[in-house]
């Protein structure tokens, strides 16, 4: 009997594999925690040219966050070739979605509502994160609908600050490498940018997300440099009272990369100082 109870406990503790849900002509993959009823939701948005399965595999976020009690949704962007080369419309980027002015704000709203109705997850406890073009889209959704978002975390992608203002206070985590050749830390075009876009600088995104919080913020800095990998991380926290409302993690020497993720072709700028999944879940936990 004890063995059966232990086996049942183990099975309940293991998150289910991703389930794919068709939603119109698009879809999303969802990783559910052991108890999905009322579970907080993380929308995890793939980069330009990626897809839900690719991002889930490369980041490892689905398994890790679902074990922590989140329902993790990997929605699919849109593309001219159906399920290939998918992108998001984040204003100035990227690809098919931006050229066709696809209503991705509406699609993500529909995804949240569908998951809440279908699986019983908490549609009013929503967090967003994304990589590259997915980061741009996550920050765009948070900027437009701050009242619907508990917190947002962007990695290697910058909000189109010339087009979108942040309409209300929303806690934000920003992780970005200073040697990013695709979305340059200081803005503009990078040596390896896959678009003609002049990207916004990280500093302008920080200013945009800080603006709705008003004055009286305090700033602290610390450095993480424990590994001999050619990178270091400066962590800048902006606090209102004891609450961190924005955390900037500047990866000095860091490339266009999800820290801790799989990117076999990347030979330089792959930091081992931090793990993006750990940092994102830690930040989201500050804003329950």
C-alpha atoms as a PDB file:
ATOM      1  CA  UNK A   1       0.000   0.000   0.000  1.00  0.00           C
ATOM      2  CA  UNK A   2       2.813   2.393   0.885  1.00  0.00           C
ATOM      3  CA  UNK A   3       4.470   1.718  -2.487  1.00  0.00           C
ATOM      4  CA  UNK A   4       1.206   2.492  -4.298  1.00  0.00           C
ATOM      5  CA  UNK A   5       0.833   5.769  -2.405  1.00  0.00           C
ATOM      6  CA  UNK A   6       4.422   6.725  -3.241  1.00  0.00           C
ATOM      7  CA  UNK A   7       3.878   5.918  -6.921  1.00  0.00           C
ATOM      8  CA  UNK A   8       0.658   7.943  -6.998  1.00  0.00           C
ATOM      9  CA  UNK A   9       2.398  10.882  -5.316  1.00  0.00           C
ATOM     10  CA  UNK A  10       5.205  10.710  -7.871  1.00  0.00           C
ATOM     11  CA  UNK A  11       2.763  10.623 -10.785  1.00  0.00           C
ATOM     12  CA  UNK A  12       0.831  13.588  -9.429  1.00  0.00           C
ATOM     13  CA  UNK A  13       4.050  15.558  -8.989  1.00  0.00           C
ATOM     14  CA  UNK A  14       5.143  15.086 -12.597  1.00  0.00           C
ATOM     15  CA  UNK A  15       3.664  17.741 -14.924  1.00  0.00           C
ATOM     16  CA  UNK A  16       1.781  16.533 -17.975  1.00  0.00           C
ATOM     17  CA  UNK A  17       3.386  16.729 -21.372  1.00  0.00           C
ATOM     18  CA  UNK A  18       2.329  19.608 -23.562  1.00  0.00           C
ATOM     19  CA  UNK A  19      -1.154  19.448 -25.018  1.00  0.00           C
ATOM     20  CA  UNK A  20      -1.792  21.160 -28.348  1.00  0.00           C
ATOM     21  CA  UNK A  21      -4.980  23.187 -28.755  1.00  0.00           C
ATOM     22  CA  UNK A  22      -6.181  24.378 -32.147  1.00  0.00           C
ATOM     23  CA  UNK A  23      -7.618  27.890 -32.019  1.00  0.00           C
ATOM     24  CA  UNK A  24      -8.984  28.993 -35.391  1.00  0.00           C
ATOM     25  CA  UNK A  25      -6.146  28.796 -37.902  1.00  0.00           C
ATOM     26  CA  UNK A  26      -3.523  28.971 -35.142  1.00  0.00           C
ATOM     27  CA  UNK A  27      -2.750  26.951 -32.043  1.00  0.00           C
ATOM     28  CA  UNK A  28      -1.042  26.884 -28.684  1.00  0.00           C
ATOM     29  CA  UNK A  29       0.791  24.259 -26.619  1.00  0.00           C
ATOM     30  CA  UNK A  30       0.113  24.175 -22.893  1.00  0.00           C
ATOM     31  CA  UNK A  31       2.007  22.570 -20.023  1.00  0.00           C
ATOM     32  CA  UNK A  32      -0.261  22.070 -17.016  1.00  0.00           C
ATOM     33  CA  UNK A  33       0.779  21.778 -13.370  1.00  0.00           C
ATOM     34  CA  UNK A  34      -0.397  18.868 -11.221  1.00  0.00           C
ATOM     35  CA  UNK A  35      -3.407  20.974 -10.141  1.00  0.00           C
ATOM     36  CA  UNK A  36      -4.413  23.334 -12.977  1.00  0.00           C
ATOM     37  CA  UNK A  37      -7.540  24.667 -11.249  1.00  0.00           C
ATOM     38  CA  UNK A  38      -6.906  28.363 -10.642  1.00  0.00           C
ATOM     39  CA  UNK A  39      -3.229  28.053 -11.610  1.00  0.00           C
ATOM     40  CA  UNK A  40      -1.444  31.255 -12.665  1.00  0.00           C
ATOM     41  CA  UNK A  41      -0.606  31.448 -16.369  1.00  0.00           C
ATOM     42  CA  UNK A  42       2.669  32.202 -18.148  1.00  0.00           C
ATOM     43  CA  UNK A  43       2.449  33.060 -21.839  1.00  0.00           C
ATOM     44  CA  UNK A  44       5.834  32.160 -23.369  1.00  0.00           C
ATOM     45  CA  UNK A  45       6.358  33.622 -26.845  1.00  0.00           C
ATOM     46  CA  UNK A  46       8.848  32.125 -29.297  1.00  0.00           C
ATOM     47  CA  UNK A  47      11.295  34.202 -31.309  1.00  0.00           C
ATOM     48  CA  UNK A  48      10.920  35.170 -34.947  1.00  0.00           C
ATOM     49  CA  UNK A  49      11.158  32.102 -37.179  1.00  0.00           C
ATOM     50  CA  UNK A  50      10.533  29.794 -34.222  1.00  0.00           C
ATOM     51  CA  UNK A  51       7.464  27.923 -33.034  1.00  0.00           C
ATOM     52  CA  UNK A  52       5.970  26.703 -29.732  1.00  0.00           C
ATOM     53  CA  UNK A  53       7.724  23.334 -29.682  1.00  0.00           C
ATOM     54  CA  UNK A  54      11.087  24.810 -30.651  1.00  0.00           C
ATOM     55  CA  UNK A  55      10.900  27.449 -27.890  1.00  0.00           C
ATOM     56  CA  UNK A  56       9.655  24.989 -25.269  1.00  0.00           C
ATOM     57  CA  UNK A  57      12.540  22.652 -26.097  1.00  0.00           C
ATOM     58  CA  UNK A  58      15.219  25.346 -26.302  1.00  0.00           C
ATOM     59  CA  UNK A  59      14.180  27.163 -23.119  1.00  0.00           C
ATOM     60  CA  UNK A  60      13.000  24.293 -20.913  1.00  0.00           C
ATOM     61  CA  UNK A  61      10.544  26.720 -19.335  1.00  0.00           C
ATOM     62  CA  UNK A  62       7.444  24.538 -19.706  1.00  0.00           C
ATOM     63  CA  UNK A  63       8.670  21.727 -17.490  1.00  0.00           C
ATOM     64  CA  UNK A  64      10.329  23.965 -14.901  1.00  0.00           C
ATOM     65  CA  UNK A  65       7.461  26.437 -14.505  1.00  0.00           C
ATOM     66  CA  UNK A  66       4.722  23.801 -14.480  1.00  0.00           C
ATOM     67  CA  UNK A  67       6.547  22.049 -11.625  1.00  0.00           C
ATOM     68  CA  UNK A  68       6.386  25.391  -9.794  1.00  0.00           C
ATOM     69  CA  UNK A  69       2.593  25.472 -10.207  1.00  0.00           C
ATOM     70  CA  UNK A  70       2.177  27.576 -13.343  1.00  0.00           C
ATOM     71  CA  UNK A  71       0.258  26.707 -16.479  1.00  0.00           C
ATOM     72  CA  UNK A  72       2.700  27.536 -19.279  1.00  0.00           C
ATOM     73  CA  UNK A  73       1.247  28.406 -22.663  1.00  0.00           C
ATOM     74  CA  UNK A  74       3.369  28.515 -25.813  1.00  0.00           C
ATOM     75  CA  UNK A  75       1.217  30.208 -28.482  1.00  0.00           C
ATOM     76  CA  UNK A  76       2.037  30.095 -32.194  1.00  0.00           C
ATOM     77  CA  UNK A  77       2.756  33.249 -34.148  1.00  0.00           C
ATOM     78  CA  UNK A  78       1.764  33.510 -37.799  1.00  0.00           C
ATOM     79  CA  UNK A  79       3.605  32.997 -41.057  1.00  0.00           C
ATOM     80  CA  UNK A  80       3.198  33.104 -44.815  1.00  0.00           C
ATOM     81  CA  UNK A  81       3.966  29.380 -44.973  1.00  0.00           C
ATOM     82  CA  UNK A  82       1.500  28.238 -42.352  1.00  0.00           C
ATOM     83  CA  UNK A  83       3.324  26.692 -39.397  1.00  0.00           C
ATOM     84  CA  UNK A  84       6.808  27.707 -40.616  1.00  0.00           C
ATOM     85  CA  UNK A  85       8.847  30.859 -39.932  1.00  0.00           C
ATOM     86  CA  UNK A  86       6.337  32.206 -37.434  1.00  0.00           C
ATOM     87  CA  UNK A  87       6.551  35.801 -36.207  1.00  0.00           C
ATOM     88  CA  UNK A  88       4.718  38.287 -33.977  1.00  0.00           C
ATOM     89  CA  UNK A  89       3.448  41.772 -34.759  1.00  0.00           C
ATOM     90  CA  UNK A  90       5.246  43.914 -32.226  1.00  0.00           C
ATOM     91  CA  UNK A  91       4.891  47.146 -34.208  1.00  0.00           C
ATOM     92  CA  UNK A  92       8.262  47.483 -35.889  1.00  0.00           C
ATOM     93  CA  UNK A  93       9.011  43.778 -35.873  1.00  0.00           C
ATOM     94  CA  UNK A  94       8.771  41.208 -37.244  1.00  0.00           C
ATOM     95  CA  UNK A  95       8.345  39.643 -40.676  1.00  0.00           C
ATOM     96  CA  UNK A  96       4.991  38.418 -41.965  1.00  0.00           C
ATOM     97  CA  UNK A  97       3.046  39.343 -38.822  1.00  0.00           C
ATOM     98  CA  UNK A  98       4.204  42.961 -38.811  1.00  0.00           C
ATOM     99  CA  UNK A  99       3.842  43.368 -42.608  1.00  0.00           C
ATOM    100  CA  UNK A 100       0.263  42.060 -42.478  1.00  0.00           C
ATOM    101  CA  UNK A 101      -0.513  43.953 -39.247  1.00  0.00           C
ATOM    102  CA  UNK A 102      -1.734  40.725 -37.636  1.00  0.00           C
ATOM    103  CA  UNK A 103      -3.839  41.325 -34.509  1.00  0.00           C
ATOM    104  CA  UNK A 104      -1.612  39.422 -32.105  1.00  0.00           C
ATOM    105  CA  UNK A 105      -2.890  41.408 -29.131  1.00  0.00           C
ATOM    106  CA  UNK A 106      -6.328  40.037 -29.917  1.00  0.00           C
ATOM    107  CA  UNK A 107      -5.007  36.514 -30.494  1.00  0.00           C
ATOM    108  CA  UNK A 108      -3.178  36.395 -27.157  1.00  0.00           C
ATOM    109  CA  UNK A 109      -6.296  37.696 -25.414  1.00  0.00           C
ATOM    110  CA  UNK A 110      -8.241  34.855 -27.047  1.00  0.00           C
ATOM    111  CA  UNK A 111      -5.612  32.304 -25.994  1.00  0.00           C
ATOM    112  CA  UNK A 112      -5.858  33.380 -22.349  1.00  0.00           C
ATOM    113  CA  UNK A 113      -9.656  33.187 -22.373  1.00  0.00           C
ATOM    114  CA  UNK A 114      -9.688  29.808 -24.121  1.00  0.00           C
ATOM    115  CA  UNK A 115      -7.185  28.259 -21.688  1.00  0.00           C
ATOM    116  CA  UNK A 116      -9.146  29.562 -18.700  1.00  0.00           C
ATOM    117  CA  UNK A 117     -12.380  28.121 -20.083  1.00  0.00           C
ATOM    118  CA  UNK A 118     -10.896  24.839 -21.260  1.00  0.00           C
ATOM    119  CA  UNK A 119      -8.495  23.979 -18.412  1.00  0.00           C
ATOM    120  CA  UNK A 120      -9.703  26.076 -15.463  1.00  0.00           C
ATOM    121  CA  UNK A 121      -6.493  28.076 -15.166  1.00  0.00           C
ATOM    122  CA  UNK A 122      -6.613  31.626 -13.801  1.00  0.00           C
ATOM    123  CA  UNK A 123      -7.148  33.991 -16.718  1.00  0.00           C
ATOM    124  CA  UNK A 124      -6.739  36.934 -14.351  1.00  0.00           C
ATOM    125  CA  UNK A 125      -3.302  35.857 -13.079  1.00  0.00           C
ATOM    126  CA  UNK A 126      -1.242  36.225 -16.241  1.00  0.00           C
ATOM    127  CA  UNK A 127       2.493  36.641 -16.730  1.00  0.00           C
ATOM    128  CA  UNK A 128       4.296  37.045 -20.052  1.00  0.00           C
ATOM    129  CA  UNK A 129       7.766  36.278 -21.283  1.00  0.00           C
ATOM    130  CA  UNK A 130       9.431  35.810 -24.637  1.00  0.00           C
ATOM    131  CA  UNK A 131      12.645  35.604 -26.592  1.00  0.00           C
ATOM    132  CA  UNK A 132      13.676  38.143 -29.256  1.00  0.00           C
ATOM    133  CA  UNK A 133      10.570  38.888 -31.375  1.00  0.00           C
ATOM    134  CA  UNK A 134       8.628  37.075 -28.641  1.00  0.00           C
ATOM    135  CA  UNK A 135      10.087  39.448 -26.057  1.00  0.00           C
ATOM    136  CA  UNK A 136       8.980  42.401 -28.192  1.00  0.00           C
ATOM    137  CA  UNK A 137       5.460  40.947 -28.327  1.00  0.00           C
ATOM    138  CA  UNK A 138       5.340  40.157 -24.600  1.00  0.00           C
ATOM    139  CA  UNK A 139       6.399  43.700 -23.723  1.00  0.00           C
ATOM    140  CA  UNK A 140       3.899  45.108 -26.233  1.00  0.00           C
ATOM    141  CA  UNK A 141       1.011  43.196 -24.644  1.00  0.00           C
ATOM    142  CA  UNK A 142       2.087  44.324 -21.161  1.00  0.00           C
ATOM    143  CA  UNK A 143       2.440  47.938 -22.334  1.00  0.00           C
ATOM    144  CA  UNK A 144      -1.037  47.955 -23.887  1.00  0.00           C
ATOM    145  CA  UNK A 145      -2.817  45.938 -21.162  1.00  0.00           C
ATOM    146  CA  UNK A 146      -0.969  46.504 -17.875  1.00  0.00           C
ATOM    147  CA  UNK A 147      -4.135  45.817 -15.879  1.00  0.00           C
ATOM    148  CA  UNK A 148      -4.238  42.258 -17.288  1.00  0.00           C
ATOM    149  CA  UNK A 149      -0.599  41.393 -16.549  1.00  0.00           C
ATOM    150  CA  UNK A 150       0.985  40.582 -13.177  1.00  0.00           C
ATOM    151  CA  UNK A 151       4.527  40.914 -14.562  1.00  0.00           C
ATOM    152  CA  UNK A 152       6.458  40.653 -17.834  1.00  0.00           C
ATOM    153  CA  UNK A 153       9.959  39.328 -18.598  1.00  0.00           C
ATOM    154  CA  UNK A 154      11.681  40.095 -21.885  1.00  0.00           C
ATOM    155  CA  UNK A 155      14.863  38.412 -23.137  1.00  0.00           C
ATOM    156  CA  UNK A 156      16.874  39.825 -26.075  1.00  0.00           C
ATOM    157  CA  UNK A 157      14.052  41.880 -27.561  1.00  0.00           C
ATOM    158  CA  UNK A 158      13.011  45.526 -27.097  1.00  0.00           C
ATOM    159  CA  UNK A 159       9.569  47.131 -27.102  1.00  0.00           C
ATOM    160  CA  UNK A 160       8.839  49.513 -29.996  1.00  0.00           C
ATOM    161  CA  UNK A 161       8.966  52.539 -27.680  1.00  0.00           C
ATOM    162  CA  UNK A 162       8.383  55.012 -30.503  1.00  0.00           C
ATOM    163  CA  UNK A 163       4.955  53.458 -31.134  1.00  0.00           C
ATOM    164  CA  UNK A 164       3.857  52.021 -27.794  1.00  0.00           C
ATOM    165  CA  UNK A 165       3.773  53.820 -24.475  1.00  0.00           C
ATOM    166  CA  UNK A 166       3.324  51.788 -21.306  1.00  0.00           C
ATOM    167  CA  UNK A 167      -0.232  52.634 -20.269  1.00  0.00           C
ATOM    168  CA  UNK A 168       0.051  51.732 -16.602  1.00  0.00           C
ATOM    169  CA  UNK A 169       2.384  50.283 -13.989  1.00  0.00           C
ATOM    170  CA  UNK A 170       3.446  46.691 -14.657  1.00  0.00           C
ATOM    171  CA  UNK A 171       6.500  45.012 -13.094  1.00  0.00           C
ATOM    172  CA  UNK A 172       9.144  44.164 -15.693  1.00  0.00           C
ATOM    173  CA  UNK A 173      12.272  42.050 -15.900  1.00  0.00           C
ATOM    174  CA  UNK A 174      14.640  42.758 -18.800  1.00  0.00           C
ATOM    175  CA  UNK A 175      17.531  40.433 -19.692  1.00  0.00           C
ATOM    176  CA  UNK A 176      19.750  41.587 -22.560  1.00  0.00           C
ATOM    177  CA  UNK A 177      23.341  41.095 -23.708  1.00  0.00           C
ATOM    178  CA  UNK A 178      25.623  43.996 -24.586  1.00  0.00           C
ATOM    179  CA  UNK A 179      27.082  42.001 -27.493  1.00  0.00           C
ATOM    180  CA  UNK A 180      23.732  41.102 -29.043  1.00  0.00           C
ATOM    181  CA  UNK A 181      24.298  41.288 -32.833  1.00  0.00           C
ATOM    182  CA  UNK A 182      20.593  40.965 -33.735  1.00  0.00           C
ATOM    183  CA  UNK A 183      18.835  43.339 -31.327  1.00  0.00           C
ATOM    184  CA  UNK A 184      21.622  45.710 -30.212  1.00  0.00           C
ATOM    185  CA  UNK A 185      21.654  46.722 -26.551  1.00  0.00           C
ATOM    186  CA  UNK A 186      22.032  50.392 -27.515  1.00  0.00           C
ATOM    187  CA  UNK A 187      19.429  50.208 -30.288  1.00  0.00           C
ATOM    188  CA  UNK A 188      19.653  50.520 -34.064  1.00  0.00           C
ATOM    189  CA  UNK A 189      20.532  47.717 -36.484  1.00  0.00           C
ATOM    190  CA  UNK A 190      22.878  44.906 -35.590  1.00  0.00           C
ATOM    191  CA  UNK A 191      25.476  43.135 -37.734  1.00  0.00           C
ATOM    192  CA  UNK A 192      23.245  40.054 -37.810  1.00  0.00           C
ATOM    193  CA  UNK A 193      19.798  41.677 -37.678  1.00  0.00           C
ATOM    194  CA  UNK A 194      17.300  39.721 -39.757  1.00  0.00           C
ATOM    195  CA  UNK A 195      15.171  42.806 -40.385  1.00  0.00           C
ATOM    196  CA  UNK A 196      15.693  46.387 -41.538  1.00  0.00           C
ATOM    197  CA  UNK A 197      14.242  47.598 -38.249  1.00  0.00           C
ATOM    198  CA  UNK A 198      16.024  50.158 -36.115  1.00  0.00           C
ATOM    199  CA  UNK A 199      15.455  48.586 -32.721  1.00  0.00           C
ATOM    200  CA  UNK A 200      14.790  50.613 -29.586  1.00  0.00           C
ATOM    201  CA  UNK A 201      17.555  50.676 -26.991  1.00  0.00           C
ATOM    202  CA  UNK A 202      17.292  48.784 -23.735  1.00  0.00           C
ATOM    203  CA  UNK A 203      17.564  52.118 -21.897  1.00  0.00           C
ATOM    204  CA  UNK A 204      14.453  53.428 -23.674  1.00  0.00           C
ATOM    205  CA  UNK A 205      12.503  50.306 -22.699  1.00  0.00           C
ATOM    206  CA  UNK A 206      13.587  50.712 -19.069  1.00  0.00           C
ATOM    207  CA  UNK A 207      12.422  54.350 -19.137  1.00  0.00           C
ATOM    208  CA  UNK A 208       9.089  53.372 -20.721  1.00  0.00           C
ATOM    209  CA  UNK A 209       8.278  50.750 -18.070  1.00  0.00           C
ATOM    210  CA  UNK A 210       9.457  52.977 -15.206  1.00  0.00           C
ATOM    211  CA  UNK A 211       7.444  56.034 -16.276  1.00  0.00           C
ATOM    212  CA  UNK A 212       4.005  54.882 -14.990  1.00  0.00           C
ATOM    213  CA  UNK A 213       5.404  54.235 -11.506  1.00  0.00           C
ATOM    214  CA  UNK A 214       6.127  57.934 -10.982  1.00  0.00           C
ATOM    215  CA  UNK A 215       8.869  59.314  -8.757  1.00  0.00           C
ATOM    216  CA  UNK A 216      10.351  58.107  -5.521  1.00  0.00           C
ATOM    217  CA  UNK A 217      12.039  55.017  -6.937  1.00  0.00           C
ATOM    218  CA  UNK A 218      15.330  53.813  -5.500  1.00  0.00           C
ATOM    219  CA  UNK A 219      18.042  52.106  -7.543  1.00  0.00           C
ATOM    220  CA  UNK A 220      20.526  49.439  -6.468  1.00  0.00           C
ATOM    221  CA  UNK A 221      23.190  47.599  -8.471  1.00  0.00           C
ATOM    222  CA  UNK A 222      25.079  44.354  -7.976  1.00  0.00           C
ATOM    223  CA  UNK A 223      27.321  42.223 -10.182  1.00  0.00           C
ATOM    224  CA  UNK A 224      27.321  38.478 -10.801  1.00  0.00           C
ATOM    225  CA  UNK A 225      30.651  37.183 -12.105  1.00  0.00           C
ATOM    226  CA  UNK A 226      31.305  33.673 -10.841  1.00  0.00           C
ATOM    227  CA  UNK A 227      32.091  31.800 -14.064  1.00  0.00           C
ATOM    228  CA  UNK A 228      35.076  32.039 -16.382  1.00  0.00           C
ATOM    229  CA  UNK A 229      32.927  32.422 -19.507  1.00  0.00           C
ATOM    230  CA  UNK A 230      33.767  35.910 -20.758  1.00  0.00           C
ATOM    231  CA  UNK A 231      30.551  37.429 -19.423  1.00  0.00           C
ATOM    232  CA  UNK A 232      29.269  39.089 -16.280  1.00  0.00           C
ATOM    233  CA  UNK A 233      25.814  40.259 -15.256  1.00  0.00           C
ATOM    234  CA  UNK A 234      24.925  43.616 -13.725  1.00  0.00           C
ATOM    235  CA  UNK A 235      21.618  43.482 -11.879  1.00  0.00           C
ATOM    236  CA  UNK A 236      19.915  46.860 -11.499  1.00  0.00           C
ATOM    237  CA  UNK A 237      16.810  46.929  -9.318  1.00  0.00           C
ATOM    238  CA  UNK A 238      14.356  49.832  -9.259  1.00  0.00           C
ATOM    239  CA  UNK A 239      12.228  49.705  -6.140  1.00  0.00           C
ATOM    240  CA  UNK A 240       9.105  51.421  -4.879  1.00  0.00           C
ATOM    241  CA  UNK A 241       9.372  50.956  -1.152  1.00  0.00           C
ATOM    242  CA  UNK A 242      10.387  47.318  -0.700  1.00  0.00           C
ATOM    243  CA  UNK A 243       8.891  46.227  -4.028  1.00  0.00           C
ATOM    244  CA  UNK A 244      11.108  45.659  -7.072  1.00  0.00           C
ATOM    245  CA  UNK A 245       9.099  47.142  -9.955  1.00  0.00           C
ATOM    246  CA  UNK A 246      11.792  46.730 -12.604  1.00  0.00           C
ATOM    247  CA  UNK A 247      14.877  44.545 -12.748  1.00  0.00           C
ATOM    248  CA  UNK A 248      17.420  45.010 -15.529  1.00  0.00           C
ATOM    249  CA  UNK A 249      19.936  42.196 -15.989  1.00  0.00           C
ATOM    250  CA  UNK A 250      22.659  43.454 -18.327  1.00  0.00           C
ATOM    251  CA  UNK A 251      24.777  40.580 -19.605  1.00  0.00           C
ATOM    252  CA  UNK A 252      28.122  42.172 -20.419  1.00  0.00           C
ATOM    253  CA  UNK A 253      29.536  40.270 -23.378  1.00  0.00           C
ATOM    254  CA  UNK A 254      26.261  38.393 -23.784  1.00  0.00           C
ATOM    255  CA  UNK A 255      24.919  37.529 -27.235  1.00  0.00           C
ATOM    256  CA  UNK A 256      21.392  36.960 -28.590  1.00  0.00           C
ATOM    257  CA  UNK A 257      20.604  34.121 -26.236  1.00  0.00           C
ATOM    258  CA  UNK A 258      18.201  32.753 -23.617  1.00  0.00           C
ATOM    259  CA  UNK A 259      20.617  32.232 -20.697  1.00  0.00           C
ATOM    260  CA  UNK A 260      20.672  28.581 -19.729  1.00  0.00           C
ATOM    261  CA  UNK A 261      18.870  27.580 -22.914  1.00  0.00           C
ATOM    262  CA  UNK A 262      19.992  25.375 -25.755  1.00  0.00           C
ATOM    263  CA  UNK A 263      21.607  27.145 -28.687  1.00  0.00           C
ATOM    264  CA  UNK A 264      24.235  24.794 -30.065  1.00  0.00           C
ATOM    265  CA  UNK A 265      25.356  27.070 -32.899  1.00  0.00           C
ATOM    266  CA  UNK A 266      26.274  29.897 -30.530  1.00  0.00           C
ATOM    267  CA  UNK A 267      30.006  29.794 -29.753  1.00  0.00           C
ATOM    268  CA  UNK A 268      30.491  33.138 -27.963  1.00  0.00           C
ATOM    269  CA  UNK A 269      28.426  35.254 -25.599  1.00  0.00           C
ATOM    270  CA  UNK A 270      26.645  32.275 -24.047  1.00  0.00           C
ATOM    271  CA  UNK A 271      26.590  33.281 -20.390  1.00  0.00           C
ATOM    272  CA  UNK A 272      26.643  30.749 -17.571  1.00  0.00           C
ATOM    273  CA  UNK A 273      26.278  33.424 -14.899  1.00  0.00           C
ATOM    274  CA  UNK A 274      22.482  33.208 -14.785  1.00  0.00           C
ATOM    275  CA  UNK A 275      19.672  30.931 -15.900  1.00  0.00           C
ATOM    276  CA  UNK A 276      16.770  32.785 -17.515  1.00  0.00           C
ATOM    277  CA  UNK A 277      14.110  30.354 -16.276  1.00  0.00           C
ATOM    278  CA  UNK A 278      15.293  30.695 -12.684  1.00  0.00           C
ATOM    279  CA  UNK A 279      15.468  34.482 -12.874  1.00  0.00           C
ATOM    280  CA  UNK A 280      12.051  34.787 -14.516  1.00  0.00           C
ATOM    281  CA  UNK A 281      10.297  32.539 -11.997  1.00  0.00           C
ATOM    282  CA  UNK A 282      12.067  34.330  -9.149  1.00  0.00           C
ATOM    283  CA  UNK A 283      10.860  37.693 -10.453  1.00  0.00           C
ATOM    284  CA  UNK A 284       7.312  36.497 -11.075  1.00  0.00           C
ATOM    285  CA  UNK A 285       7.169  35.150  -7.516  1.00  0.00           C
ATOM    286  CA  UNK A 286       7.773  38.710  -6.272  1.00  0.00           C
ATOM    287  CA  UNK A 287       4.468  39.717  -7.877  1.00  0.00           C
ATOM    288  CA  UNK A 288       1.859  37.093  -6.950  1.00  0.00           C
END
